[in-house]
Amino acid sequence: MDSSKPVLIAYDGSEGSKAAIDAAGRLFPDRRAIVVSVWHSAGAAAPASLIAIPAAVASRAYEELDSESERQAAARVAEGVAAAEAAGLEASGEAVLCAGKVWATIVNAADEADAQAIVVGSRGLSAVKSALVGSVANGVLHHSTRPVVVAPTAG
């Protein structure tokens, strides 16, 4: 593996993403890592809600919701970066806006960073959602052209 390239770690604050950081620290010691937390825009639901409320009110509400979502993602990134540094990685982070599927956003972020590998947890925050719409780890694993490490959650 090319040690000059970073490892991308998907982090959502779940036990699975914490396991991903631990695995990255063990498998890629002293490597550069990019911790990515994906967030969603409330604006994607805008057309449906515009029927019930004035556009200006909806627009302001979406801006506030998006700002809060991005702030929460930035806080998760800071938490993930601190954990990655504690695991022995040289870490930086980024909150990434999701324009579609979370797994696709992670794969695209890895492509943009020219990451050597992607590290994800086996389970995210929503087991029910994962069962209904498909696992983020599964999507990354099947659609990435880069090596993918899926870290199991302890317990």
C-alpha atoms as a PDB file:
ATOM      1  CA  MET A   1       0.000   0.000   0.000  1.00  0.00           C
ATOM      2  CA  ASP A   2       1.070   3.539  -0.745  1.00  0.00           C
ATOM      3  CA  SER A   3       1.718   5.055   2.676  1.00  0.00           C
ATOM      4  CA  SER A   4       1.691   8.577   1.238  1.00  0.00           C
ATOM      5  CA  LYS A   5      -2.040   8.337   0.582  1.00  0.00           C
ATOM      6  CA  PRO A   6      -4.556   8.860   3.387  1.00  0.00           C
ATOM      7  CA  VAL A   7      -7.002   6.352   4.774  1.00  0.00           C
ATOM      8  CA  LEU A   8     -10.604   7.580   4.806  1.00  0.00           C
ATOM      9  CA  ILE A   9     -12.679   6.673   7.872  1.00  0.00           C
ATOM     10  CA  ALA A  10     -16.464   7.025   7.853  1.00  0.00           C
ATOM     11  CA  TYR A  11     -17.630   8.263  11.254  1.00  0.00           C
ATOM     12  CA  ASP A  12     -21.178   8.816  12.534  1.00  0.00           C
ATOM     13  CA  GLY A  13     -20.571   8.507  16.279  1.00  0.00           C
ATOM     14  CA  SER A  14     -21.929   4.949  16.433  1.00  0.00           C
ATOM     15  CA  GLU A  15     -20.158   2.028  18.074  1.00  0.00           C
ATOM     16  CA  GLY A  16     -19.483   0.699  14.576  1.00  0.00           C
ATOM     17  CA  SER A  17     -17.718   3.870  13.497  1.00  0.00           C
ATOM     18  CA  LYS A  18     -15.718   3.905  16.734  1.00  0.00           C
ATOM     19  CA  ALA A  19     -14.649   0.330  15.901  1.00  0.00           C
ATOM     20  CA  ALA A  20     -13.630   1.595  12.441  1.00  0.00           C
ATOM     21  CA  ILE A  21     -11.318   4.175  13.997  1.00  0.00           C
ATOM     22  CA  ASP A  22      -9.778   1.573  16.308  1.00  0.00           C
ATOM     23  CA  ALA A  23      -9.254  -0.793  13.357  1.00  0.00           C
ATOM     24  CA  ALA A  24      -7.679   1.967  11.258  1.00  0.00           C
ATOM     25  CA  GLY A  25      -5.270   2.758  14.081  1.00  0.00           C
ATOM     26  CA  ARG A  26      -4.229  -0.893  14.346  1.00  0.00           C
ATOM     27  CA  LEU A  27      -4.035  -1.588  10.599  1.00  0.00           C
ATOM     28  CA  PHE A  28      -2.551   1.707   9.424  1.00  0.00           C
ATOM     29  CA  PRO A  29      -0.352   2.945  12.290  1.00  0.00           C
ATOM     30  CA  ASP A  30       1.097   6.444  11.964  1.00  0.00           C
ATOM     31  CA  ARG A  31      -0.831   7.031   8.721  1.00  0.00           C
ATOM     32  CA  ARG A  32      -2.643  10.131   7.595  1.00  0.00           C
ATOM     33  CA  ALA A  33      -6.395   9.690   8.011  1.00  0.00           C
ATOM     34  CA  ILE A  34      -9.398  11.691   6.908  1.00  0.00           C
ATOM     35  CA  VAL A  35     -12.434  11.313   9.149  1.00  0.00           C
ATOM     36  CA  VAL A  36     -15.650  11.950   7.241  1.00  0.00           C
ATOM     37  CA  SER A  37     -19.106  12.504   8.696  1.00  0.00           C
ATOM     38  CA  VAL A  38     -21.988  12.686   6.242  1.00  0.00           C
ATOM     39  CA  TRP A  39     -24.926  15.032   6.732  1.00  0.00           C
ATOM     40  CA  HIS A  40     -28.203  15.489   4.863  1.00  0.00           C
ATOM     41  CA  SER A  41     -29.877  18.676   3.688  1.00  0.00           C
ATOM     42  CA  ALA A  42     -33.464  19.284   4.714  1.00  0.00           C
ATOM     43  CA  GLY A  43     -33.917  21.092   1.404  1.00  0.00           C
ATOM     44  CA  ALA A  44     -34.355  17.780  -0.396  1.00  0.00           C
ATOM     45  CA  ALA A  45     -37.837  17.567   1.127  1.00  0.00           C
ATOM     46  CA  ALA A  46     -38.666  21.156   0.159  1.00  0.00           C
ATOM     47  CA  PRO A  47     -41.119  20.535  -2.707  1.00  0.00           C
ATOM     48  CA  ALA A  48     -43.463  18.455  -0.560  1.00  0.00           C
ATOM     49  CA  SER A  49     -43.591  20.957   2.295  1.00  0.00           C
ATOM     50  CA  LEU A  50     -44.034  24.025   0.113  1.00  0.00           C
ATOM     51  CA  ILE A  51     -47.626  22.990  -0.405  1.00  0.00           C
ATOM     52  CA  ALA A  52     -48.446  23.616   3.249  1.00  0.00           C
ATOM     53  CA  ILE A  53     -46.365  26.680   4.143  1.00  0.00           C
ATOM     54  CA  PRO A  54     -45.151  29.858   2.441  1.00  0.00           C
ATOM     55  CA  ALA A  55     -41.924  29.442   0.460  1.00  0.00           C
ATOM     56  CA  ALA A  56     -40.057  32.139   2.426  1.00  0.00           C
ATOM     57  CA  VAL A  57     -40.888  30.446   5.743  1.00  0.00           C
ATOM     58  CA  ALA A  58     -39.882  27.043   4.389  1.00  0.00           C
ATOM     59  CA  SER A  59     -36.650  28.416   2.949  1.00  0.00           C
ATOM     60  CA  ARG A  60     -35.612  29.971   6.266  1.00  0.00           C
ATOM     61  CA  ALA A  61     -36.519  26.786   8.135  1.00  0.00           C
ATOM     62  CA  TYR A  62     -34.447  24.653   5.732  1.00  0.00           C
ATOM     63  CA  GLU A  63     -31.482  26.963   6.100  1.00  0.00           C
ATOM     64  CA  GLU A  64     -31.692  26.656   9.887  1.00  0.00           C
ATOM     65  CA  LEU A  65     -32.121  22.873   9.746  1.00  0.00           C
ATOM     66  CA  ASP A  66     -29.217  22.535   7.314  1.00  0.00           C
ATOM     67  CA  SER A  67     -27.028  24.738   9.487  1.00  0.00           C
ATOM     68  CA  GLU A  68     -27.805  22.578  12.520  1.00  0.00           C
ATOM     69  CA  SER A  69     -27.216  19.335  10.587  1.00  0.00           C
ATOM     70  CA  GLU A  70     -23.884  20.619   9.352  1.00  0.00           C
ATOM     71  CA  ARG A  71     -22.947  21.785  12.873  1.00  0.00           C
ATOM     72  CA  GLN A  72     -23.743  18.340  14.288  1.00  0.00           C
ATOM     73  CA  ALA A  73     -21.686  16.675  11.553  1.00  0.00           C
ATOM     74  CA  ALA A  74     -18.781  19.017  12.324  1.00  0.00           C
ATOM     75  CA  ALA A  75     -19.019  18.050  16.004  1.00  0.00           C
ATOM     76  CA  ARG A  76     -18.955  14.358  15.016  1.00  0.00           C
ATOM     77  CA  VAL A  77     -15.915  15.047  12.840  1.00  0.00           C
ATOM     78  CA  ALA A  78     -14.101  16.718  15.746  1.00  0.00           C
ATOM     79  CA  GLU A  79     -14.935  13.743  17.974  1.00  0.00           C
ATOM     80  CA  GLY A  80     -13.756  11.317  15.288  1.00  0.00           C
ATOM     81  CA  VAL A  81     -10.535  13.231  14.641  1.00  0.00           C
ATOM     82  CA  ALA A  82      -9.718  13.206  18.365  1.00  0.00           C
ATOM     83  CA  ALA A  83     -10.383   9.446  18.519  1.00  0.00           C
ATOM     84  CA  ALA A  84      -8.260   8.849  15.410  1.00  0.00           C
ATOM     85  CA  GLU A  85      -5.385  10.847  16.876  1.00  0.00           C
ATOM     86  CA  ALA A  86      -5.691   8.850  20.103  1.00  0.00           C
ATOM     87  CA  ALA A  87      -5.490   5.694  17.949  1.00  0.00           C
ATOM     88  CA  GLY A  88      -2.149   6.888  16.557  1.00  0.00           C
ATOM     89  CA  LEU A  89      -3.277   8.401  13.272  1.00  0.00           C
ATOM     90  CA  GLU A  90      -2.451  11.826  11.854  1.00  0.00           C
ATOM     91  CA  ALA A  91      -6.065  12.896  11.413  1.00  0.00           C
ATOM     92  CA  SER A  92      -8.040  15.627   9.775  1.00  0.00           C
ATOM     93  CA  GLY A  93     -11.743  15.673   9.098  1.00  0.00           C
ATOM     94  CA  GLU A  94     -14.571  16.880   6.956  1.00  0.00           C
ATOM     95  CA  ALA A  95     -18.352  17.113   7.243  1.00  0.00           C
ATOM     96  CA  VAL A  96     -19.674  16.117   3.815  1.00  0.00           C
ATOM     97  CA  LEU A  97     -23.086  16.980   2.412  1.00  0.00           C
ATOM     98  CA  CYS A  98     -24.901  13.908   1.145  1.00  0.00           C
ATOM     99  CA  ALA A  99     -26.613  14.456  -2.192  1.00  0.00           C
ATOM    100  CA  GLY A 100     -27.942  10.898  -2.482  1.00  0.00           C
ATOM    101  CA  LYS A 101     -26.931   7.680  -0.809  1.00  0.00           C
ATOM    102  CA  VAL A 102     -24.569   7.802   2.162  1.00  0.00           C
ATOM    103  CA  TRP A 103     -22.372   5.022   0.779  1.00  0.00           C
ATOM    104  CA  ALA A 104     -21.980   6.933  -2.518  1.00  0.00           C
ATOM    105  CA  THR A 105     -20.996  10.085  -0.640  1.00  0.00           C
ATOM    106  CA  ILE A 106     -18.324   8.131   1.256  1.00  0.00           C
ATOM    107  CA  VAL A 107     -17.003   6.506  -1.932  1.00  0.00           C
ATOM    108  CA  ASN A 108     -16.912   9.908  -3.682  1.00  0.00           C
ATOM    109  CA  ALA A 109     -15.090  11.496  -0.724  1.00  0.00           C
ATOM    110  CA  ALA A 110     -12.494   8.711  -0.869  1.00  0.00           C
ATOM    111  CA  ASP A 111     -12.092   9.233  -4.609  1.00  0.00           C
ATOM    112  CA  GLU A 112     -11.655  13.001  -4.178  1.00  0.00           C
ATOM    113  CA  ALA A 113      -9.045  12.444  -1.452  1.00  0.00           C
ATOM    114  CA  ASP A 114      -7.348   9.675  -3.488  1.00  0.00           C
ATOM    115  CA  ALA A 115      -7.565   7.558  -0.344  1.00  0.00           C
ATOM    116  CA  GLN A 116      -5.585   4.340  -0.197  1.00  0.00           C
ATOM    117  CA  ALA A 117      -8.434   2.586   1.598  1.00  0.00           C
ATOM    118  CA  ILE A 118     -11.818   3.200   3.209  1.00  0.00           C
ATOM    119  CA  VAL A 119     -12.562   2.041   6.750  1.00  0.00           C
ATOM    120  CA  VAL A 120     -16.184   1.710   7.895  1.00  0.00           C
ATOM    121  CA  GLY A 121     -17.983   0.096  10.787  1.00  0.00           C
ATOM    122  CA  SER A 122     -20.243  -2.872  10.232  1.00  0.00           C
ATOM    123  CA  ARG A 123     -23.220  -1.154  11.856  1.00  0.00           C
ATOM    124  CA  GLY A 124     -24.166   2.516  11.916  1.00  0.00           C
ATOM    125  CA  LEU A 125     -26.584   4.471  14.043  1.00  0.00           C
ATOM    126  CA  SER A 126     -29.769   3.021  12.620  1.00  0.00           C
ATOM    127  CA  ALA A 127     -30.054  -0.762  12.450  1.00  0.00           C
ATOM    128  CA  VAL A 128     -33.701  -0.511  11.409  1.00  0.00           C
ATOM    129  CA  LYS A 129     -32.946   1.953   8.614  1.00  0.00           C
ATOM    130  CA  SER A 130     -30.004  -0.173   7.548  1.00  0.00           C
ATOM    131  CA  ALA A 131     -32.207  -3.237   7.262  1.00  0.00           C
ATOM    132  CA  LEU A 132     -34.783  -1.340   5.219  1.00  0.00           C
ATOM    133  CA  VAL A 133     -32.619   0.565   2.763  1.00  0.00           C
ATOM    134  CA  GLY A 134     -29.373  -1.383   2.766  1.00  0.00           C
ATOM    135  CA  SER A 135     -26.197  -1.138   4.743  1.00  0.00           C
ATOM    136  CA  VAL A 136     -23.817   1.768   4.216  1.00  0.00           C
ATOM    137  CA  ALA A 137     -20.910  -0.619   4.723  1.00  0.00           C
ATOM    138  CA  ASN A 138     -22.375  -2.987   2.140  1.00  0.00           C
ATOM    139  CA  GLY A 139     -22.774  -0.149  -0.377  1.00  0.00           C
ATOM    140  CA  VAL A 140     -19.216   1.068   0.156  1.00  0.00           C
ATOM    141  CA  LEU A 141     -17.884  -2.483  -0.072  1.00  0.00           C
ATOM    142  CA  HIS A 142     -19.671  -3.238  -3.334  1.00  0.00           C
ATOM    143  CA  HIS A 143     -19.190   0.092  -5.106  1.00  0.00           C
ATOM    144  CA  SER A 144     -15.716   1.267  -4.143  1.00  0.00           C
ATOM    145  CA  THR A 145     -12.754   0.634  -6.414  1.00  0.00           C
ATOM    146  CA  ARG A 146     -10.505   1.047  -3.375  1.00  0.00           C
ATOM    147  CA  PRO A 147      -9.772  -1.486  -0.650  1.00  0.00           C
ATOM    148  CA  VAL A 148     -12.450  -1.410   2.056  1.00  0.00           C
ATOM    149  CA  VAL A 149     -12.050  -2.504   5.661  1.00  0.00           C
ATOM    150  CA  VAL A 150     -15.323  -3.278   7.455  1.00  0.00           C
ATOM    151  CA  ALA A 151     -14.636  -3.282  11.186  1.00  0.00           C
ATOM    152  CA  PRO A 152     -16.946  -5.424  13.314  1.00  0.00           C
ATOM    153  CA  THR A 153     -18.536  -3.876  16.363  1.00  0.00           C
ATOM    154  CA  ALA A 154     -17.276  -5.447  19.576  1.00  0.00           C
ATOM    155  CA  GLY A 155     -19.760  -7.222  21.726  1.00  0.00           C
END
